[in-house]
Structures are given as structure tokens and as C-alpha cells.
Amino acid sequence: WLKSFQSSSSYCCLFLILPCCNCAKPLYRTNEMLVAAPAAAVAAASNASGRLGRLVAKSSSNQLVLLVERRRGCASKAAKEAPRVAVVGTGLVGLTAADSLRQRGFRVTLIDRQPTVAGECSFANAALLMRSYSRPKTATMSQLIKWSTSFDQPVHVSWRAFIDPYMALFGMRFFLSGPQTEKAIQATTQITDKLARLSIEHIEDIIKKKKLDVSLLKEGVLMYCRDPAKLNALVEETKSSFPPEQHADRFRVVSAEECLKLEPLLENQKAEIVGGLFWFPDQTICSLTFCRQLASKLAEEGVEFIHGEEVTSTFASGSNPRAAVLQMASGKKVEAEAIVLAAGVGTGRLLSKLSPTGAPPVPLYGMRGHSCTVDVTHMVQQQQQQQ
């Protein structure tokens, strides 16, 4: 299907490749991979070859589909004959995708516009491995009205946000692209929850197999509230997102006293806290350390890195009918038989060039984030002196 997809489409692109994982009820088996792709390209590939992967989910706009496709191993091929995959982005997603591809016998080239790995989002990302955010960030029409008219909801959508025409357009596309009924939201939550679990297991597997000196903080994630109405709304929304039999395995409602026990640093706010939700399976990792160490291992294993080069466009290869050429801003070109886009918000710009309609199949919008860097050298020195 991969070859059909590439040859029958005007753009050969895989938007997401996730590793396989053995679990009690896996989303896909060890000889399969999970692929997200434009529906138009999938339809063209199906008509051309008569073969199509097992459909897992699709967006409500029918622009993007999620398939489970049987993997064709290429480990037996000579290294120079193995298909080349170009991964755009050397953050946490791009590096882990590259590792999975390399293990399956592909030649991998990683490309990033920054001079080093993890130069953007993954540099100061909290890297929360969270099943608590499995619920899609879309809403039914009734929920959307509540979010925009009431401050008692877990999410408040300010009407002032729509003054920005780009934000307004993104909001509309975001709403239309996602599930808009309670039943569809629950079904999508089950899929994303499985993906979140696979992500956590895969990160742990990489750290173990690659012997990375990175620690996982397995202390869960606490969401606390200062307003009883917001807490009740948060609990109600969370419980409605999962079947009752799954609640005990994912979260528990905690009192104000339990919040302080879980996070003693909240002591100075104890008079304001009314309670919260504790997602005990969630974990945290230092994404910068993880990315740097994984990149070092991949380089030792023969993965090619191209830094300081920004991909501006792609076009069909003249010499290989199953390949595409990535054009860099500097004029440099890289030929690959498949492309993985892991360029963060920049993925939207690239997808717009690949899509027949000129619009990416998934809405992306850059949001503002904050980080704080604190020099704690003196604390480390004090600790060493005490020891």
C-alpha cells in the first residue's frame, strides 16, 4: 500500500508513523504500523491497487484517515537498497519516528532548520506523557456554547480571541475537523488513550534498550481547582469521556487536603484550593536530555542528520517514480521514498504545499507558551557540601 500510495499520489507523504507494541489488546500487531494520511491519497491508492489498510478512524471532514497497514520488512535488503525516509524535524517526535524506521531497515535522513536537535518545542517542553489529555479538544455545540458563555466550565473560550481572523479561521476548522457528538468524542478518546499508552510504553522501551541516562518522573499529574463550580464541571466532563469501568485505572477525584499531600508546594494556596483530579498513570521526562542522547545513539547507528536547512517545498523525483525531492531554502535537495513531517506547527505550512486543496488536512495554529530558566548551581553545591 505504501508503494501504491506514493506512485498514485501527487505528493508522497506519511504524516505519522508510530512503533508497534505488544499489549493485552493492541491497536495493531507487531507486523503492522499505524499511518495517518490524507483521505484523497488513500482513495487513489485503493483504486490503483485494490488494497487498503484497516481503517481505525477518520476526521469528521473526511480529510484525514487513520489506518493500520501491514508492514513490509526491508531489513533483509542491503543497506544501499533500502528505501530512504526523510523525517522533517529533530524534536522528540521526529527522533523517535526515525528510531522506529531505522529498526525496520529503512535508511533515515533527519532534517531540521535549527543548528541542533530539539531546538524549538522540545527544547523547553514539559514532555508530559499524559493519558489525561486523551479527550479530543473539540466539543458538541452545546458544550461550545457553555464554554463561551460561562466562566464555570473547565475551558473558557473568549469571544475576543475571534478578533484575530487567523485564530477565528483556525477555531472554525478545528471545531469542524473533530468529533461533534458525545458518542464520537468517546470513541475518539478511546483511540487517543491507546496511543497515549503506547507512547509511554515506547518511551520507556527506548530508554531501556538504548541505555539512555534519562529518568522518568512517575508521579502523575494533578489538576487542582480554586472554584467548586469549575471542579464539578471538570469532574463531570472527565467522567463523561471514559466508560465508568475505566475511571479507576486513570484518575481519581481528590480533596484539598490530598492535593497538598501530593504537592506540598501548594501549601501557600491551601486556603484557595477546593480539590482536583489526580491522573496517577501520567509521567514526565526531560525532553531536551532525551532528544540529545537519542540523537547521539542514532548518529552512531548511521542515521543522517541535516541541520540548519529548512524544507520549503517538495516535488516528484525525475529518476525514481516512487520518490519525492525535498527542496531546501539553500538550494540543497534530498530524495526520499517517504516523508514524515514532525515539524511542529511548521508542519501546517508544509502540508499546505502538499495538499491538492492548498489547505492542510489537519488545522494547526501557533500558540504562545512560557518557560523559565533558573540557575540552581548554588543549590547543587550546598547539597554536595551537606553530603
Protein backbone atom coordinates (compact mmCIF):
# COMPACT_ATOMS: atom_id res chain seq x y z
CA TRP A 1 0.00 0.00 0.00
CA LEU A 2 2.89 2.36 0.74
CA LYS A 3 4.23 1.99 -2.80
CA SER A 4 0.76 2.45 -4.32
CA PHE A 5 0.18 5.47 -2.14
CA GLN A 6 3.41 7.06 -3.32
CA SER A 7 3.03 6.30 -7.00
CA SER A 8 -0.65 7.25 -7.28
CA SER A 9 -0.42 10.48 -5.33
CA SER A 10 0.95 13.82 -6.46
CA TYR A 11 2.61 14.09 -3.05
CA CYS A 12 4.20 11.16 -1.23
CA CYS A 13 3.92 11.86 2.46
CA LEU A 14 3.34 9.94 5.66
CA PHE A 15 2.18 12.28 8.38
CA LEU A 16 2.59 9.88 11.29
CA ILE A 17 4.33 6.58 11.89
CA LEU A 18 4.14 5.04 15.33
CA PRO A 19 6.01 1.96 16.56
CA CYS A 20 4.35 -1.35 17.23
CA CYS A 21 3.83 -2.57 20.76
CA ASN A 22 2.80 -5.86 22.35
CA CYS A 23 -0.01 -5.28 24.83
CA ALA A 24 -3.12 -7.07 26.04
CA LYS A 25 -5.40 -5.53 23.41
CA PRO A 26 -3.10 -3.78 20.96
CA LEU A 27 -4.38 -1.24 18.48
CA TYR A 28 -2.25 -3.01 15.91
CA ARG A 29 0.07 -6.01 15.81
CA THR A 30 3.85 -6.23 15.74
CA ASN A 31 3.95 -6.70 11.96
CA GLU A 32 1.85 -3.60 11.37
CA MET A 33 2.26 0.13 11.63
CA LEU A 34 -0.14 2.99 12.23
CA VAL A 35 -0.35 5.55 9.46
CA ALA A 36 -2.26 8.82 9.21
CA ALA A 37 -2.70 10.07 5.67
CA PRO A 38 -4.89 12.34 3.51
CA ALA A 39 -8.13 10.63 2.56
CA ALA A 40 -7.71 11.66 -1.08
CA ALA A 41 -4.36 9.88 -1.34
CA VAL A 42 -5.75 6.79 0.39
CA ALA A 43 -8.67 6.65 -2.03
CA ALA A 44 -6.32 6.98 -5.00
CA ALA A 45 -4.08 4.24 -3.65
CA SER A 46 -7.05 1.96 -3.06
CA ASN A 47 -8.35 2.46 -6.60
CA ALA A 48 -4.90 1.83 -8.04
CA SER A 49 -4.03 -1.30 -6.07
CA GLY A 50 -7.30 -2.63 -4.69
CA ARG A 51 -5.65 -2.96 -1.28
CA LEU A 52 -6.26 -0.74 1.70
CA GLY A 53 -5.21 -0.88 5.34
CA ARG A 54 -7.64 -1.45 8.20
CA LEU A 55 -9.47 1.80 8.92
CA VAL A 56 -9.20 2.92 12.55
CA ALA A 57 -10.67 6.40 12.45
CA LYS A 58 -11.27 9.39 10.23
CA SER A 59 -11.86 13.08 10.77
CA SER A 60 -15.39 14.39 10.55
CA SER A 61 -14.38 16.41 7.46
CA ASN A 62 -13.14 13.16 5.86
CA GLN A 63 -9.82 14.82 5.01
CA LEU A 64 -7.63 12.67 7.25
CA VAL A 65 -7.85 8.93 7.95
CA LEU A 66 -6.02 6.69 10.38
CA LEU A 67 -5.08 3.26 9.03
CA VAL A 68 -3.38 0.14 10.29
CA GLU A 69 -1.25 -1.14 7.44
CA ARG A 70 0.75 -4.35 7.25
CA ARG A 71 4.48 -3.60 7.32
CA ARG A 72 6.70 -4.89 4.61
CA GLY A 73 10.02 -5.63 6.19
CA CYS A 74 13.10 -4.34 4.40
CA ALA A 75 15.74 -5.49 6.89
CA SER A 76 16.83 -8.26 4.54
CA LYS A 77 17.74 -5.77 1.81
CA ALA A 78 21.22 -4.35 1.50
CA ALA A 79 21.53 -1.01 3.26
CA LYS A 80 22.08 0.85 0.00
CA GLU A 81 18.89 -0.64 -1.49
CA ALA A 82 16.61 0.04 1.47
CA PRO A 83 14.02 2.79 0.95
CA ARG A 84 15.01 6.19 2.30
CA VAL A 85 12.67 8.10 4.57
CA ALA A 86 13.13 11.80 5.23
CA VAL A 87 11.98 12.97 8.65
CA VAL A 88 11.44 16.73 8.89
CA GLY A 89 12.00 17.82 12.49
CA THR A 90 14.54 16.63 15.06
CA GLY A 91 12.44 17.06 18.15
CA LEU A 92 11.06 14.29 20.34
CA VAL A 93 8.53 13.12 17.71
CA GLY A 94 10.95 13.20 14.78
CA LEU A 95 13.74 11.38 16.61
CA THR A 96 11.51 8.60 17.95
CA ALA A 97 9.97 8.14 14.49
CA ALA A 98 13.47 7.94 12.99
CA ASP A 99 14.47 5.30 15.54
CA SER A 100 11.43 3.15 14.71
CA LEU A 101 12.08 3.45 10.98
CA ARG A 102 15.76 2.60 11.31
CA GLN A 103 14.92 -0.51 13.33
CA ARG A 104 12.69 -1.64 10.48
CA GLY A 105 15.51 -1.42 7.97
CA PHE A 106 14.87 1.97 6.39
CA ARG A 107 17.60 4.47 5.64
CA VAL A 108 16.69 7.65 7.51
CA THR A 109 17.63 11.28 6.96
CA LEU A 110 16.61 13.81 9.62
CA ILE A 111 16.25 17.45 8.58
CA ASP A 112 15.79 20.49 10.82
CA ARG A 113 16.07 24.23 10.32
CA GLN A 114 17.75 24.68 13.70
CA PRO A 115 21.51 24.07 14.16
CA THR A 116 20.95 21.39 16.84
CA VAL A 117 18.39 18.75 17.79
CA ALA A 118 15.44 19.78 19.96
CA GLY A 119 15.95 23.40 19.00
CA GLU A 120 12.32 24.51 19.27
CA CYS A 121 9.32 22.95 21.01
CA SER A 122 11.27 20.04 22.51
CA PHE A 123 13.90 22.37 23.97
CA ALA A 124 11.85 23.55 26.95
CA ASN A 125 8.84 21.29 26.64
CA ALA A 126 7.49 19.83 29.86
CA ALA A 127 7.23 16.49 27.99
CA LEU A 128 4.25 15.27 29.93
CA LEU A 129 3.38 11.73 28.85
CA MET A 130 -0.29 12.14 29.56
CA ARG A 131 -3.30 9.93 29.21
CA SER A 132 -5.21 12.68 30.99
CA TYR A 133 -5.42 14.65 27.75
CA SER A 134 -6.84 11.78 25.70
CA ARG A 135 -10.14 13.56 25.26
CA PRO A 136 -10.12 15.45 21.93
CA LYS A 137 -10.14 19.21 22.37
CA THR A 138 -13.34 19.62 20.43
CA ALA A 139 -16.87 19.92 21.74
CA THR A 140 -20.50 19.42 20.97
CA MET A 141 -22.39 22.56 20.03
CA SER A 142 -23.98 22.72 23.50
CA GLN A 143 -20.54 22.43 25.15
CA LEU A 144 -19.14 25.14 22.89
CA ILE A 145 -21.93 27.50 23.92
CA LYS A 146 -21.23 26.75 27.59
CA TRP A 147 -17.51 27.30 27.15
CA SER A 148 -18.06 30.69 25.52
CA THR A 149 -20.74 32.00 27.88
CA SER A 150 -19.79 30.60 31.29
CA PHE A 151 -16.67 31.02 33.41
CA ASP A 152 -17.62 27.92 35.45
CA GLN A 153 -16.54 25.48 32.72
CA PRO A 154 -13.14 23.70 32.59
CA VAL A 155 -12.45 25.55 29.35
CA HIS A 156 -13.46 29.14 28.62
CA VAL A 157 -13.44 30.40 25.03
CA SER A 158 -13.17 34.16 24.96
CA TRP A 159 -15.03 35.90 22.17
CA ARG A 160 -12.11 38.34 21.97
CA ALA A 161 -10.00 35.52 20.54
CA PHE A 162 -12.01 35.71 17.33
CA ILE A 163 -10.89 39.27 16.67
CA ASP A 164 -7.81 37.66 15.14
CA PRO A 165 -9.05 36.39 11.74
CA TYR A 166 -6.41 33.64 11.66
CA MET A 167 -7.49 32.44 15.09
CA ALA A 168 -11.15 32.57 14.06
CA LEU A 169 -10.46 30.53 10.94
CA PHE A 170 -8.42 28.02 12.95
CA GLY A 171 -11.15 27.73 15.58
CA MET A 172 -13.81 27.02 12.96
CA ARG A 173 -11.68 24.44 11.16
CA PHE A 174 -10.66 22.88 14.46
CA PHE A 175 -14.29 22.52 15.52
CA LEU A 176 -15.41 21.10 12.15
CA SER A 177 -12.48 18.67 11.95
CA GLY A 178 -13.18 16.98 15.28
CA PRO A 179 -15.96 14.79 16.65
CA GLN A 180 -19.06 16.85 17.46
CA THR A 181 -21.26 14.33 19.30
CA GLU A 182 -20.77 12.72 22.71
CA LYS A 183 -20.64 9.27 21.11
CA ALA A 184 -17.98 10.31 18.60
CA ILE A 185 -15.96 12.07 21.31
CA GLN A 186 -15.96 8.93 23.46
CA ALA A 187 -14.91 6.75 20.50
CA THR A 188 -12.08 9.13 19.61
CA THR A 189 -10.99 9.30 23.25
CA GLN A 190 -10.56 5.53 23.33
CA ILE A 191 -8.24 5.68 20.29
CA THR A 192 -6.13 8.57 21.59
CA ASP A 193 -5.96 6.94 25.03
CA LYS A 194 -4.47 3.81 23.46
CA LEU A 195 -2.00 5.96 21.52
CA ALA A 196 -1.01 7.74 24.74
CA ARG A 197 -0.43 4.40 26.47
CA LEU A 198 1.65 3.20 23.53
CA SER A 199 3.70 6.40 23.65
CA ILE A 200 4.52 5.93 27.33
CA GLU A 201 5.48 2.29 26.81
CA HIS A 202 7.58 3.17 23.76
CA ILE A 203 9.50 5.94 25.55
CA GLU A 204 10.28 3.52 28.38
CA ASP A 205 11.39 0.90 25.85
CA ILE A 206 13.73 3.33 24.08
CA ILE A 207 15.34 4.43 27.37
CA LYS A 208 15.90 0.80 28.35
CA LYS A 209 17.18 -0.53 25.01
CA LYS A 210 19.34 2.48 24.19
CA LYS A 211 20.58 2.73 27.79
CA LEU A 212 19.82 6.44 27.92
CA ASP A 213 20.66 8.30 31.11
CA VAL A 214 17.20 9.86 31.35
CA SER A 215 14.82 9.44 34.25
CA LEU A 216 11.06 9.26 34.04
CA LEU A 217 9.18 11.03 36.80
CA LYS A 218 6.30 8.67 37.55
CA GLU A 219 4.33 10.78 40.00
CA GLY A 220 1.24 11.54 37.94
CA VAL A 221 -0.34 14.88 37.06
CA LEU A 222 -2.51 16.88 39.46
CA MET A 223 -5.20 19.25 38.17
CA TYR A 224 -6.43 21.38 41.04
CA CYS A 225 -9.21 23.98 41.17
CA ARG A 226 -9.98 27.06 43.24
CA ASP A 227 -13.62 27.22 42.20
CA PRO A 228 -16.11 24.47 43.25
CA ALA A 229 -18.17 25.01 40.09
CA LYS A 230 -15.10 24.54 37.87
CA LEU A 231 -14.12 21.42 39.80
CA ASN A 232 -17.58 19.92 39.37
CA ALA A 233 -17.57 20.75 35.66
CA LEU A 234 -14.09 19.23 35.26
CA VAL A 235 -15.09 16.02 37.04
CA GLU A 236 -18.33 15.76 35.05
CA GLU A 237 -16.56 16.27 31.71
CA THR A 238 -13.80 13.78 32.59
CA LYS A 239 -16.21 11.08 33.71
CA SER A 240 -18.27 11.51 30.55
CA SER A 241 -15.18 10.98 28.38
CA PHE A 242 -14.46 7.45 29.65
CA PRO A 243 -16.72 4.47 30.38
CA PRO A 244 -17.34 4.01 34.15
CA GLU A 245 -15.24 0.82 34.28
CA GLN A 246 -12.15 2.77 33.12
CA HIS A 247 -12.29 5.55 35.71
CA ALA A 248 -10.38 3.72 38.45
CA ASP A 249 -7.46 2.93 36.12
CA ARG A 250 -6.93 6.52 35.02
CA PHE A 251 -7.84 9.13 37.60
CA ARG A 252 -9.37 9.83 40.96
CA VAL A 253 -11.07 12.86 42.46
CA VAL A 254 -9.03 14.27 45.37
CA SER A 255 -9.84 16.66 48.19
CA ALA A 256 -7.98 19.88 49.00
CA GLU A 257 -6.04 18.03 51.70
CA GLU A 258 -4.99 15.32 49.25
CA CYS A 259 -3.84 17.98 46.79
CA LEU A 260 -1.45 19.36 49.43
CA LYS A 261 -0.13 15.87 50.21
CA LEU A 262 0.52 15.22 46.52
CA GLU A 263 2.16 18.60 46.01
CA PRO A 264 3.47 20.25 49.21
CA LEU A 265 4.46 23.37 47.25
CA LEU A 266 0.78 24.30 47.14
CA GLU A 267 0.82 24.97 50.88
CA ASN A 268 0.69 28.75 50.42
CA GLN A 269 -2.51 28.32 48.37
CA LYS A 270 -4.28 25.88 50.67
CA ALA A 271 -6.97 28.42 51.61
CA GLU A 272 -8.00 28.71 47.95
CA ILE A 273 -7.83 25.08 46.74
CA VAL A 274 -11.13 23.18 46.79
CA GLY A 275 -9.97 19.88 45.27
CA GLY A 276 -8.86 18.38 42.00
CA LEU A 277 -8.29 15.43 39.71
CA PHE A 278 -5.20 13.24 40.04
CA TRP A 279 -4.10 11.33 36.93
CA PHE A 280 -1.74 8.82 38.54
CA PRO A 281 -0.55 6.97 35.35
CA ASP A 282 0.89 10.17 33.82
CA GLN A 283 4.64 10.69 33.64
CA THR A 284 7.16 13.44 32.95
CA ILE A 285 10.50 13.33 31.15
CA CYS A 286 13.18 15.90 30.29
CA SER A 287 12.65 16.11 26.54
CA LEU A 288 15.89 18.02 25.86
CA THR A 289 18.10 15.41 27.55
CA PHE A 290 16.15 12.57 25.94
CA CYS A 291 16.45 14.10 22.45
CA ARG A 292 20.16 14.83 22.73
CA GLN A 293 21.02 11.33 23.93
CA LEU A 294 18.76 9.59 21.43
CA ALA A 295 20.21 11.69 18.58
CA SER A 296 23.71 10.66 19.61
CA LYS A 297 22.73 6.98 19.52
CA LEU A 298 21.04 7.35 16.13
CA ALA A 299 24.10 9.05 14.66
CA GLU A 300 26.23 6.11 15.83
CA GLU A 301 23.78 3.77 14.09
CA GLY A 302 24.13 5.51 10.74
CA VAL A 303 21.15 7.89 10.71
CA GLU A 304 21.96 11.02 8.69
CA PHE A 305 21.37 14.47 10.23
CA ILE A 306 20.99 17.68 8.22
CA HIS A 307 20.76 20.75 10.45
CA GLY A 308 20.43 24.41 9.59
CA GLU A 309 18.35 23.61 6.49
CA GLU A 310 14.67 24.48 6.10
CA VAL A 311 12.41 22.50 3.78
CA THR A 312 10.49 24.89 1.53
CA SER A 313 8.75 22.55 -0.92
CA THR A 314 8.60 19.06 -2.40
CA PHE A 315 8.25 17.81 -5.94
CA ALA A 316 8.28 14.49 -7.78
CA SER A 317 11.61 12.85 -8.49
CA GLY A 318 12.55 12.63 -12.14
CA SER A 319 14.66 9.50 -11.68
CA ASN A 320 12.57 7.49 -9.20
CA PRO A 321 8.79 7.28 -9.80
CA ARG A 322 8.25 6.28 -6.15
CA ALA A 323 10.26 9.10 -4.65
CA ALA A 324 9.89 12.78 -3.90
CA VAL A 325 12.51 15.50 -3.60
CA LEU A 326 12.60 17.89 -0.67
CA GLN A 327 13.83 21.35 -1.67
CA MET A 328 15.75 23.33 0.96
CA ALA A 329 15.91 27.11 1.23
CA SER A 330 19.65 26.91 0.47
CA GLY A 331 19.01 25.02 -2.76
CA LYS A 332 20.04 21.64 -1.37
CA LYS A 333 17.83 18.68 -2.32
CA VAL A 334 17.11 15.38 -0.56
CA GLU A 335 15.36 12.50 -2.32
CA ALA A 336 13.21 10.10 -0.28
CA GLU A 337 10.60 7.43 -0.93
CA ALA A 338 8.54 8.55 2.07
CA ILE A 339 8.36 11.67 4.21
CA VAL A 340 7.49 12.00 7.88
CA LEU A 341 6.52 15.51 8.91
CA ALA A 342 7.33 16.19 12.58
CA ALA A 343 7.97 19.91 12.27
CA GLY A 344 5.57 21.10 14.96
CA VAL A 345 3.40 24.00 13.92
CA GLY A 346 5.56 24.34 10.80
CA THR A 347 4.00 21.10 9.59
CA GLY A 348 0.89 23.04 8.56
CA ARG A 349 2.84 25.19 6.13
CA LEU A 350 4.44 22.13 4.54
CA LEU A 351 1.15 20.25 4.36
CA SER A 352 -0.48 23.19 2.60
CA LYS A 353 2.06 22.76 -0.20
CA LEU A 354 1.34 19.03 -0.42
CA SER A 355 -2.45 19.16 -0.30
CA PRO A 356 -4.43 19.35 -3.59
CA THR A 357 -6.74 21.94 -2.00
CA GLY A 358 -3.87 24.04 -0.67
CA ALA A 359 -5.05 23.54 2.92
CA PRO A 360 -3.52 21.05 5.37
CA PRO A 361 -5.80 18.11 6.27
CA VAL A 362 -5.40 19.00 9.96
CA PRO A 363 -5.76 22.55 11.34
CA LEU A 364 -2.64 23.87 13.05
CA TYR A 365 -2.16 27.20 14.79
CA GLY A 366 0.84 28.51 16.69
CA MET A 367 0.11 29.21 20.36
CA ARG A 368 2.11 31.15 22.91
CA GLY A 369 3.99 29.32 25.65
CA HIS A 370 6.13 30.36 28.58
CA SER A 371 9.22 28.90 30.17
CA CYS A 372 11.53 29.98 32.97
CA THR A 373 15.19 29.05 33.34
CA VAL A 374 16.60 29.26 36.86
CA ASP A 375 20.21 28.87 37.91
CA VAL A 376 20.24 26.29 40.73
CA THR A 377 24.01 25.72 40.78
CA HIS A 378 24.23 27.03 44.33
CA MET A 379 21.61 24.51 45.48
CA VAL A 380 23.60 21.65 43.97
CA GLN A 381 26.78 22.90 45.66
CA GLN A 382 25.00 23.17 49.03
CA GLN A 383 23.68 19.63 48.66
CA GLN A 384 27.16 18.32 47.81
CA GLN A 385 28.63 20.09 50.85
CA GLN A 386 25.98 18.56 53.11
CA GLN A 387 26.80 15.10 51.81
